[in-house]
Structures are given as C-alpha cells and as structure tokens.
Amino acid sequence: MSNMDKMKKMSEEITKIFHEHHKKTMQPKIKVTNPYSGQSAMLTEEENKLYLSIKLAELEERYDIMQKQLSKFSRMNVSAYMTLLD
C-alpha cells in the first residue's frame, strides 16, 4: 500500500470518528429553569425526560422513585443536577 493510500485511509477513518462524535455531542438542547433559583441549564432530550419524571414523582410524593431518578440524573449531568435539583 502506497503512502498516499495510507493517508487516504487514515483521513477516511478520522472523518468517520468525527461524524460519530458529532452525532453524539450535537443533540438539540432544551432550556430548563429551576423554579426556585431562576437558574437555567441546557438538557438533552433524554435528560429533560428524566428531569420531568423526577418532578412528577416529587408531586406524586413517590420519593423512592424520585431518589433513584435523582441518582441517575446526577451521574448523567452533574452541572445540571446542581443547578436544577440540588
């Protein structure tokens, strides 16, 4: 394999890695505001669904479920957890 072929293959691999990373990191974000502090955080769709589920469990006084979801959310997005739920 010539050097030119090696460079072309390497370029294709780098492009593939970039596109995969871009898909994972460039998800649309949803702005959520803490009703008590007024501070906001940007959440992915998955994080937003979990946040809403936490707030619903809180309203329904289902604290065992809420605690499990809080634990998961805190591992997903520490900064948003501290802003919105801590």
PDB file of N, CA and C in Angstrom:
ATOM      1  N   MET A   1       0.847  -1.172   0.000  1.00  0.00           N
ATOM      2  CA  MET A   1       0.000   0.000   0.000  1.00  0.00           C
ATOM      3  C   MET A   1       0.901   1.246   0.000  1.00  0.00           C
ATOM      4  N   SER A   2       0.610   2.153  -0.893  1.00  0.00           N
ATOM      5  CA  SER A   2       1.432   3.364  -1.009  1.00  0.00           C
ATOM      6  C   SER A   2       1.121   4.328   0.135  1.00  0.00           C
ATOM      7  N   ASN A   3       2.012   5.285   0.315  1.00  0.00           N
ATOM      8  CA  ASN A   3       1.795   6.295   1.359  1.00  0.00           C
ATOM      9  C   ASN A   3       0.524   7.093   1.109  1.00  0.00           C
ATOM     10  N   MET A   4       0.245   7.362  -0.145  1.00  0.00           N
ATOM     11  CA  MET A   4      -0.963   8.120  -0.495  1.00  0.00           C
ATOM     12  C   MET A   4      -2.216   7.327  -0.108  1.00  0.00           C
ATOM     13  N   ASP A   5      -2.215   6.024  -0.358  1.00  0.00           N
ATOM     14  CA  ASP A   5      -3.349   5.182   0.023  1.00  0.00           C
ATOM     15  C   ASP A   5      -3.510   5.137   1.542  1.00  0.00           C
ATOM     16  N   LYS A   6      -2.384   5.057   2.252  1.00  0.00           N
ATOM     17  CA  LYS A   6      -2.423   5.042   3.711  1.00  0.00           C
ATOM     18  C   LYS A   6      -3.005   6.343   4.246  1.00  0.00           C
ATOM     19  N   MET A   7      -2.591   7.461   3.661  1.00  0.00           N
ATOM     20  CA  MET A   7      -3.099   8.761   4.105  1.00  0.00           C
ATOM     21  C   MET A   7      -4.593   8.894   3.820  1.00  0.00           C
ATOM     22  N   LYS A   8      -5.019   8.402   2.675  1.00  0.00           N
ATOM     23  CA  LYS A   8      -6.428   8.464   2.313  1.00  0.00           C
ATOM     24  C   LYS A   8      -7.261   7.634   3.288  1.00  0.00           C
ATOM     25  N   LYS A   9      -6.779   6.449   3.610  1.00  0.00           N
ATOM     26  CA  LYS A   9      -7.487   5.575   4.538  1.00  0.00           C
ATOM     27  C   LYS A   9      -7.556   6.221   5.923  1.00  0.00           C
ATOM     28  N   MET A  10      -6.455   6.801   6.371  1.00  0.00           N
ATOM     29  CA  MET A  10      -6.415   7.464   7.670  1.00  0.00           C
ATOM     30  C   MET A  10      -7.391   8.638   7.688  1.00  0.00           C
ATOM     31  N   SER A  11      -7.448   9.387   6.623  1.00  0.00           N
ATOM     32  CA  SER A  11      -8.358  10.522   6.521  1.00  0.00           C
ATOM     33  C   SER A  11      -9.816  10.053   6.608  1.00  0.00           C
ATOM     34  N   GLU A  12     -10.129   8.959   5.947  1.00  0.00           N
ATOM     35  CA  GLU A  12     -11.486   8.421   5.990  1.00  0.00           C
ATOM     36  C   GLU A  12     -11.850   7.967   7.404  1.00  0.00           C
ATOM     37  N   GLU A  13     -10.900   7.355   8.098  1.00  0.00           N
ATOM     38  CA  GLU A  13     -11.148   6.901   9.468  1.00  0.00           C
ATOM     39  C   GLU A  13     -11.366   8.078  10.405  1.00  0.00           C
ATOM     40  N   ILE A  14     -10.567   9.120  10.255  1.00  0.00           N
ATOM     41  CA  ILE A  14     -10.716  10.315  11.089  1.00  0.00           C
ATOM     42  C   ILE A  14     -12.067  10.975  10.829  1.00  0.00           C
ATOM     43  N   THR A  15     -12.456  11.056   9.566  1.00  0.00           N
ATOM     44  CA  THR A  15     -13.752  11.638   9.209  1.00  0.00           C
ATOM     45  C   THR A  15     -14.888  10.841   9.833  1.00  0.00           C
ATOM     46  N   LYS A  16     -14.795   9.530   9.802  1.00  0.00           N
ATOM     47  CA  LYS A  16     -15.826   8.664  10.387  1.00  0.00           C
ATOM     48  C   LYS A  16     -15.927   8.896  11.894  1.00  0.00           C
ATOM     49  N   ILE A  17     -14.794   8.960  12.559  1.00  0.00           N
ATOM     50  CA  ILE A  17     -14.777   9.194  14.009  1.00  0.00           C
ATOM     51  C   ILE A  17     -15.391  10.556  14.330  1.00  0.00           C
ATOM     52  N   PHE A  18     -15.030  11.569  13.546  1.00  0.00           N
ATOM     53  CA  PHE A  18     -15.570  12.912  13.756  1.00  0.00           C
ATOM     54  C   PHE A  18     -17.089  12.916  13.628  1.00  0.00           C
ATOM     55  N   HIS A  19     -17.615  12.267  12.594  1.00  0.00           N
ATOM     56  CA  HIS A  19     -19.064  12.248  12.375  1.00  0.00           C
ATOM     57  C   HIS A  19     -19.785  11.507  13.503  1.00  0.00           C
ATOM     58  N   GLU A  20     -19.215  10.414  13.987  1.00  0.00           N
ATOM     59  CA  GLU A  20     -19.825   9.673  15.099  1.00  0.00           C
ATOM     60  C   GLU A  20     -19.840  10.537  16.357  1.00  0.00           C
ATOM     61  N   HIS A  21     -18.741  11.216  16.625  1.00  0.00           N
ATOM     62  CA  HIS A  21     -18.657  12.091  17.792  1.00  0.00           C
ATOM     63  C   HIS A  21     -19.649  13.248  17.664  1.00  0.00           C
ATOM     64  N   HIS A  22     -19.740  13.807  16.470  1.00  0.00           N
ATOM     65  CA  HIS A  22     -20.640  14.930  16.213  1.00  0.00           C
ATOM     66  C   HIS A  22     -22.093  14.529  16.476  1.00  0.00           C
ATOM     67  N   LYS A  23     -22.489  13.339  16.058  1.00  0.00           N
ATOM     68  CA  LYS A  23     -23.857  12.870  16.287  1.00  0.00           C
ATOM     69  C   LYS A  23     -24.164  12.794  17.772  1.00  0.00           C
ATOM     70  N   LYS A  24     -23.196  12.314  18.553  1.00  0.00           N
ATOM     71  CA  LYS A  24     -23.407  12.141  19.990  1.00  0.00           C
ATOM     72  C   LYS A  24     -23.432  13.466  20.731  1.00  0.00           C
ATOM     73  N   THR A  25     -22.624  14.415  20.316  1.00  0.00           N
ATOM     74  CA  THR A  25     -22.475  15.655  21.081  1.00  0.00           C
ATOM     75  C   THR A  25     -23.349  16.800  20.589  1.00  0.00           C
ATOM     76  N   MET A  26     -23.897  16.704  19.426  1.00  0.00           N
ATOM     77  CA  MET A  26     -24.654  17.828  18.869  1.00  0.00           C
ATOM     78  C   MET A  26     -26.163  17.590  18.913  1.00  0.00           C
ATOM     79  N   GLN A  27     -26.623  16.993  19.994  1.00  0.00           N
ATOM     80  CA  GLN A  27     -28.051  16.799  20.164  1.00  0.00           C
ATOM     81  C   GLN A  27     -28.692  18.153  20.472  1.00  0.00           C
ATOM     82  N   PRO A  28     -29.930  18.359  20.030  1.00  0.00           N
ATOM     83  CA  PRO A  28     -30.597  19.616  20.367  1.00  0.00           C
ATOM     84  C   PRO A  28     -30.758  19.718  21.884  1.00  0.00           C
ATOM     85  N   LYS A  29     -30.639  20.916  22.400  1.00  0.00           N
ATOM     86  CA  LYS A  29     -30.723  21.138  23.848  1.00  0.00           C
ATOM     87  C   LYS A  29     -32.020  21.861  24.204  1.00  0.00           C
ATOM     88  N   ILE A  30     -32.498  21.585  25.403  1.00  0.00           N
ATOM     89  CA  ILE A  30     -33.731  22.172  25.911  1.00  0.00           C
ATOM     90  C   ILE A  30     -33.375  22.983  27.158  1.00  0.00           C
ATOM     91  N   LYS A  31     -33.787  24.232  27.178  1.00  0.00           N
ATOM     92  CA  LYS A  31     -33.502  25.087  28.331  1.00  0.00           C
ATOM     93  C   LYS A  31     -34.531  24.814  29.422  1.00  0.00           C
ATOM     94  N   VAL A  32     -34.021  24.479  30.614  1.00  0.00           N
ATOM     95  CA  VAL A  32     -34.874  24.208  31.774  1.00  0.00           C
ATOM     96  C   VAL A  32     -34.438  25.147  32.894  1.00  0.00           C
ATOM     97  N   THR A  33     -35.410  25.749  33.563  1.00  0.00           N
ATOM     98  CA  THR A  33     -35.120  26.721  34.614  1.00  0.00           C
ATOM     99  C   THR A  33     -35.588  26.197  35.967  1.00  0.00           C
ATOM    100  N   ASN A  34     -34.733  26.343  36.953  1.00  0.00           N
ATOM    101  CA  ASN A  34     -35.059  25.979  38.324  1.00  0.00           C
ATOM    102  C   ASN A  34     -36.108  26.974  38.826  1.00  0.00           C
ATOM    103  N   PRO A  35     -37.292  26.490  39.238  1.00  0.00           N
ATOM    104  CA  PRO A  35     -38.352  27.414  39.648  1.00  0.00           C
ATOM    105  C   PRO A  35     -38.045  28.177  40.938  1.00  0.00           C
ATOM    106  N   TYR A  36     -37.084  27.702  41.709  1.00  0.00           N
ATOM    107  CA  TYR A  36     -36.769  28.339  42.985  1.00  0.00           C
ATOM    108  C   TYR A  36     -35.639  29.359  42.859  1.00  0.00           C
ATOM    109  N   SER A  37     -34.592  28.990  42.099  1.00  0.00           N
ATOM    110  CA  SER A  37     -33.423  29.877  41.996  1.00  0.00           C
ATOM    111  C   SER A  37     -33.450  30.763  40.758  1.00  0.00           C
ATOM    112  N   GLY A  38     -34.208  30.361  39.748  1.00  0.00           N
ATOM    113  CA  GLY A  38     -34.226  31.101  38.491  1.00  0.00           C
ATOM    114  C   GLY A  38     -33.053  30.762  37.581  1.00  0.00           C
ATOM    115  N   GLN A  39     -32.141  29.888  38.035  1.00  0.00           N
ATOM    116  CA  GLN A  39     -31.000  29.487  37.204  1.00  0.00           C
ATOM    117  C   GLN A  39     -31.466  28.445  36.181  1.00  0.00           C
ATOM    118  N   SER A  40     -30.802  28.434  35.031  1.00  0.00           N
ATOM    119  CA  SER A  40     -31.177  27.526  33.952  1.00  0.00           C
ATOM    120  C   SER A  40     -30.028  26.607  33.570  1.00  0.00           C
ATOM    121  N   ALA A  41     -30.398  25.493  32.939  1.00  0.00           N
ATOM    122  CA  ALA A  41     -29.428  24.542  32.404  1.00  0.00           C
ATOM    123  C   ALA A  41     -29.962  24.040  31.072  1.00  0.00           C
ATOM    124  N   MET A  42     -29.040  23.665  30.206  1.00  0.00           N
ATOM    125  CA  MET A  42     -29.408  23.111  28.906  1.00  0.00           C
ATOM    126  C   MET A  42     -29.346  21.587  28.999  1.00  0.00           C
ATOM    127  N   LEU A  43     -30.458  20.928  28.666  1.00  0.00           N
ATOM    128  CA  LEU A  43     -30.560  19.479  28.771  1.00  0.00           C
ATOM    129  C   LEU A  43     -30.788  18.837  27.418  1.00  0.00           C
ATOM    130  N   THR A  44     -30.280  17.617  27.281  1.00  0.00           N
ATOM    131  CA  THR A  44     -30.608  16.825  26.097  1.00  0.00           C
ATOM    132  C   THR A  44     -32.048  16.340  26.263  1.00  0.00           C
ATOM    133  N   GLU A  45     -32.609  15.782  25.234  1.00  0.00           N
ATOM    134  CA  GLU A  45     -33.981  15.263  25.304  1.00  0.00           C
ATOM    135  C   GLU A  45     -34.095  14.190  26.390  1.00  0.00           C
ATOM    136  N   GLU A  46     -33.113  13.307  26.445  1.00  0.00           N
ATOM    137  CA  GLU A  46     -33.126  12.235  27.445  1.00  0.00           C
ATOM    138  C   GLU A  46     -33.062  12.802  28.866  1.00  0.00           C
ATOM    139  N   GLU A  47     -32.192  13.777  29.075  1.00  0.00           N
ATOM    140  CA  GLU A  47     -32.073  14.407  30.392  1.00  0.00           C
ATOM    141  C   GLU A  47     -33.355  15.136  30.764  1.00  0.00           C
ATOM    142  N   ASN A  48     -33.969  15.805  29.805  1.00  0.00           N
ATOM    143  CA  ASN A  48     -35.205  16.530  30.057  1.00  0.00           C
ATOM    144  C   ASN A  48     -36.333  15.579  30.450  1.00  0.00           C
ATOM    145  N   LYS A  49     -36.434  14.452  29.767  1.00  0.00           N
ATOM    146  CA  LYS A  49     -37.466  13.465  30.118  1.00  0.00           C
ATOM    147  C   LYS A  49     -37.271  12.971  31.546  1.00  0.00           C
ATOM    148  N   LEU A  50     -36.022  12.710  31.910  1.00  0.00           N
ATOM    149  CA  LEU A  50     -35.737  12.255  33.261  1.00  0.00           C
ATOM    150  C   LEU A  50     -36.040  13.355  34.275  1.00  0.00           C
ATOM    151  N   TYR A  51     -35.682  14.586  33.965  1.00  0.00           N
ATOM    152  CA  TYR A  51     -35.982  15.722  34.847  1.00  0.00           C
ATOM    153  C   TYR A  51     -37.491  15.829  35.094  1.00  0.00           C
ATOM    154  N   LEU A  52     -38.271  15.754  34.028  1.00  0.00           N
ATOM    155  CA  LEU A  52     -39.725  15.844  34.165  1.00  0.00           C
ATOM    156  C   LEU A  52     -40.280  14.681  34.982  1.00  0.00           C
ATOM    157  N   SER A  53     -39.704  13.514  34.797  1.00  0.00           N
ATOM    158  CA  SER A  53     -40.119  12.342  35.562  1.00  0.00           C
ATOM    159  C   SER A  53     -39.809  12.520  37.053  1.00  0.00           C
ATOM    160  N   ILE A  54     -38.676  13.125  37.357  1.00  0.00           N
ATOM    161  CA  ILE A  54     -38.301  13.413  38.750  1.00  0.00           C
ATOM    162  C   ILE A  54     -39.309  14.379  39.373  1.00  0.00           C
ATOM    163  N   LYS A  55     -39.633  15.439  38.643  1.00  0.00           N
ATOM    164  CA  LYS A  55     -40.570  16.437  39.164  1.00  0.00           C
ATOM    165  C   LYS A  55     -41.972  15.828  39.357  1.00  0.00           C
ATOM    166  N   LEU A  56     -42.381  14.939  38.455  1.00  0.00           N
ATOM    167  CA  LEU A  56     -43.674  14.270  38.593  1.00  0.00           C
ATOM    168  C   LEU A  56     -43.673  13.361  39.828  1.00  0.00           C
ATOM    169  N   ALA A  57     -42.604  12.599  40.010  1.00  0.00           N
ATOM    170  CA  ALA A  57     -42.503  11.731  41.191  1.00  0.00           C
ATOM    171  C   ALA A  57     -42.561  12.565  42.469  1.00  0.00           C
ATOM    172  N   GLU A  58     -41.942  13.743  42.437  1.00  0.00           N
ATOM    173  CA  GLU A  58     -41.990  14.637  43.588  1.00  0.00           C
ATOM    174  C   GLU A  58     -43.427  15.086  43.867  1.00  0.00           C
ATOM    175  N   LEU A  59     -44.142  15.488  42.837  1.00  0.00           N
ATOM    176  CA  LEU A  59     -45.532  15.927  43.002  1.00  0.00           C
ATOM    177  C   LEU A  59     -46.431  14.809  43.521  1.00  0.00           C
ATOM    178  N   GLU A  60     -46.153  13.594  43.049  1.00  0.00           N
ATOM    179  CA  GLU A  60     -46.951  12.435  43.460  1.00  0.00           C
ATOM    180  C   GLU A  60     -46.479  11.841  44.786  1.00  0.00           C
ATOM    181  N   GLU A  61     -45.464  12.462  45.384  1.00  0.00           N
ATOM    182  CA  GLU A  61     -44.880  12.006  46.645  1.00  0.00           C
ATOM    183  C   GLU A  61     -44.391  10.555  46.574  1.00  0.00           C
ATOM    184  N   ARG A  62     -43.825  10.205  45.426  1.00  0.00           N
ATOM    185  CA  ARG A  62     -43.237   8.873  45.225  1.00  0.00           C
ATOM    186  C   ARG A  62     -41.723   9.018  45.396  1.00  0.00           C
ATOM    187  N   TYR A  63     -41.316   9.193  46.628  1.00  0.00           N
ATOM    188  CA  TYR A  63     -39.946   9.576  46.935  1.00  0.00           C
ATOM    189  C   TYR A  63     -38.923   8.480  46.654  1.00  0.00           C
ATOM    190  N   ASP A  64     -39.333   7.218  46.747  1.00  0.00           N
ATOM    191  CA  ASP A  64     -38.394   6.134  46.426  1.00  0.00           C
ATOM    192  C   ASP A  64     -38.008   6.178  44.950  1.00  0.00           C
ATOM    193  N   ILE A  65     -38.992   6.392  44.094  1.00  0.00           N
ATOM    194  CA  ILE A  65     -38.740   6.509  42.651  1.00  0.00           C
ATOM    195  C   ILE A  65     -37.933   7.773  42.370  1.00  0.00           C
ATOM    196  N   MET A  66     -38.327   8.862  43.015  1.00  0.00           N
ATOM    197  CA  MET A  66     -37.639  10.130  42.808  1.00  0.00           C
ATOM    198  C   MET A  66     -36.157  10.017  43.160  1.00  0.00           C
ATOM    199  N   GLN A  67     -35.827   9.357  44.265  1.00  0.00           N
ATOM    200  CA  GLN A  67     -34.430   9.220  44.677  1.00  0.00           C
ATOM    201  C   GLN A  67     -33.613   8.426  43.665  1.00  0.00           C
ATOM    202  N   LYS A  68     -34.179   7.371  43.126  1.00  0.00           N
ATOM    203  CA  LYS A  68     -33.479   6.571  42.110  1.00  0.00           C
ATOM    204  C   LYS A  68     -33.209   7.412  40.862  1.00  0.00           C
ATOM    205  N   GLN A  69     -34.211   8.181  40.458  1.00  0.00           N
ATOM    206  CA  GLN A  69     -34.053   9.018  39.275  1.00  0.00           C
ATOM    207  C   GLN A  69     -33.077  10.165  39.518  1.00  0.00           C
ATOM    208  N   LEU A  70     -33.093  10.734  40.712  1.00  0.00           N
ATOM    209  CA  LEU A  70     -32.128  11.784  41.057  1.00  0.00           C
ATOM    210  C   LEU A  70     -30.701  11.249  40.973  1.00  0.00           C
ATOM    211  N   SER A  71     -30.514  10.041  41.461  1.00  0.00           N
ATOM    212  CA  SER A  71     -29.191   9.432  41.422  1.00  0.00           C
ATOM    213  C   SER A  71     -28.720   9.259  39.974  1.00  0.00           C
ATOM    214  N   LYS A  72     -29.617   8.794  39.133  1.00  0.00           N
ATOM    215  CA  LYS A  72     -29.270   8.607  37.711  1.00  0.00           C
ATOM    216  C   LYS A  72     -28.969   9.960  37.055  1.00  0.00           C
ATOM    217  N   PHE A  73     -29.813  10.949  37.302  1.00  0.00           N
ATOM    218  CA  PHE A  73     -29.624  12.265  36.693  1.00  0.00           C
ATOM    219  C   PHE A  73     -28.294  12.871  37.128  1.00  0.00           C
ATOM    220  N   SER A  74     -27.945  12.702  38.402  1.00  0.00           N
ATOM    221  CA  SER A  74     -26.701  13.286  38.905  1.00  0.00           C
ATOM    222  C   SER A  74     -25.475  12.680  38.226  1.00  0.00           C
ATOM    223  N   ARG A  75     -25.586  11.447  37.768  1.00  0.00           N
ATOM    224  CA  ARG A  75     -24.475  10.821  37.044  1.00  0.00           C
ATOM    225  C   ARG A  75     -24.460  11.230  35.569  1.00  0.00           C
ATOM    226  N   MET A  76     -25.622  11.554  35.022  1.00  0.00           N
ATOM    227  CA  MET A  76     -25.713  11.938  33.610  1.00  0.00           C
ATOM    228  C   MET A  76     -25.182  13.343  33.354  1.00  0.00           C
ATOM    229  N   ASN A  77     -25.541  14.284  34.252  1.00  0.00           N
ATOM    230  CA  ASN A  77     -25.197  15.689  34.030  1.00  0.00           C
ATOM    231  C   ASN A  77     -25.047  16.378  35.393  1.00  0.00           C
ATOM    232  N   VAL A  78     -23.846  16.305  35.925  1.00  0.00           N
ATOM    233  CA  VAL A  78     -23.582  16.829  37.274  1.00  0.00           C
ATOM    234  C   VAL A  78     -23.922  18.303  37.374  1.00  0.00           C
ATOM    235  N   SER A  79     -23.507  19.083  36.408  1.00  0.00           N
ATOM    236  CA  SER A  79     -23.742  20.527  36.442  1.00  0.00           C
ATOM    237  C   SER A  79     -25.227  20.854  36.455  1.00  0.00           C
ATOM    238  N   ALA A  80     -25.995  20.218  35.590  1.00  0.00           N
ATOM    239  CA  ALA A  80     -27.443  20.468  35.538  1.00  0.00           C
ATOM    240  C   ALA A  80     -28.116  19.988  36.827  1.00  0.00           C
ATOM    241  N   TYR A  81     -27.646  18.891  37.368  1.00  0.00           N
ATOM    242  CA  TYR A  81     -28.178  18.397  38.635  1.00  0.00           C
ATOM    243  C   TYR A  81     -28.017  19.462  39.723  1.00  0.00           C
ATOM    244  N   MET A  82     -26.804  20.017  39.807  1.00  0.00           N
ATOM    245  CA  MET A  82     -26.540  21.038  40.831  1.00  0.00           C
ATOM    246  C   MET A  82     -27.384  22.293  40.607  1.00  0.00           C
ATOM    247  N   THR A  83     -27.625  22.640  39.378  1.00  0.00           N
ATOM    248  CA  THR A  83     -28.397  23.841  39.043  1.00  0.00           C
ATOM    249  C   THR A  83     -29.890  23.637  39.248  1.00  0.00           C
ATOM    250  N   LEU A  84     -30.401  22.484  38.852  1.00  0.00           N
ATOM    251  CA  LEU A  84     -31.847  22.287  38.812  1.00  0.00           C
ATOM    252  C   LEU A  84     -32.435  21.524  39.997  1.00  0.00           C
ATOM    253  N   LEU A  85     -31.659  20.615  40.577  1.00  0.00           N
ATOM    254  CA  LEU A  85     -32.268  19.680  41.519  1.00  0.00           C
ATOM    255  C   LEU A  85     -31.622  19.629  42.895  1.00  0.00           C
ATOM    256  N   ASP A  86     -30.446  20.151  43.051  1.00  0.00           N
ATOM    257  CA  ASP A  86     -29.741  20.035  44.338  1.00  0.00           C
ATOM    258  C   ASP A  86     -30.248  21.056  45.325  1.00  0.00           C
TER     259      ASP A  86
END
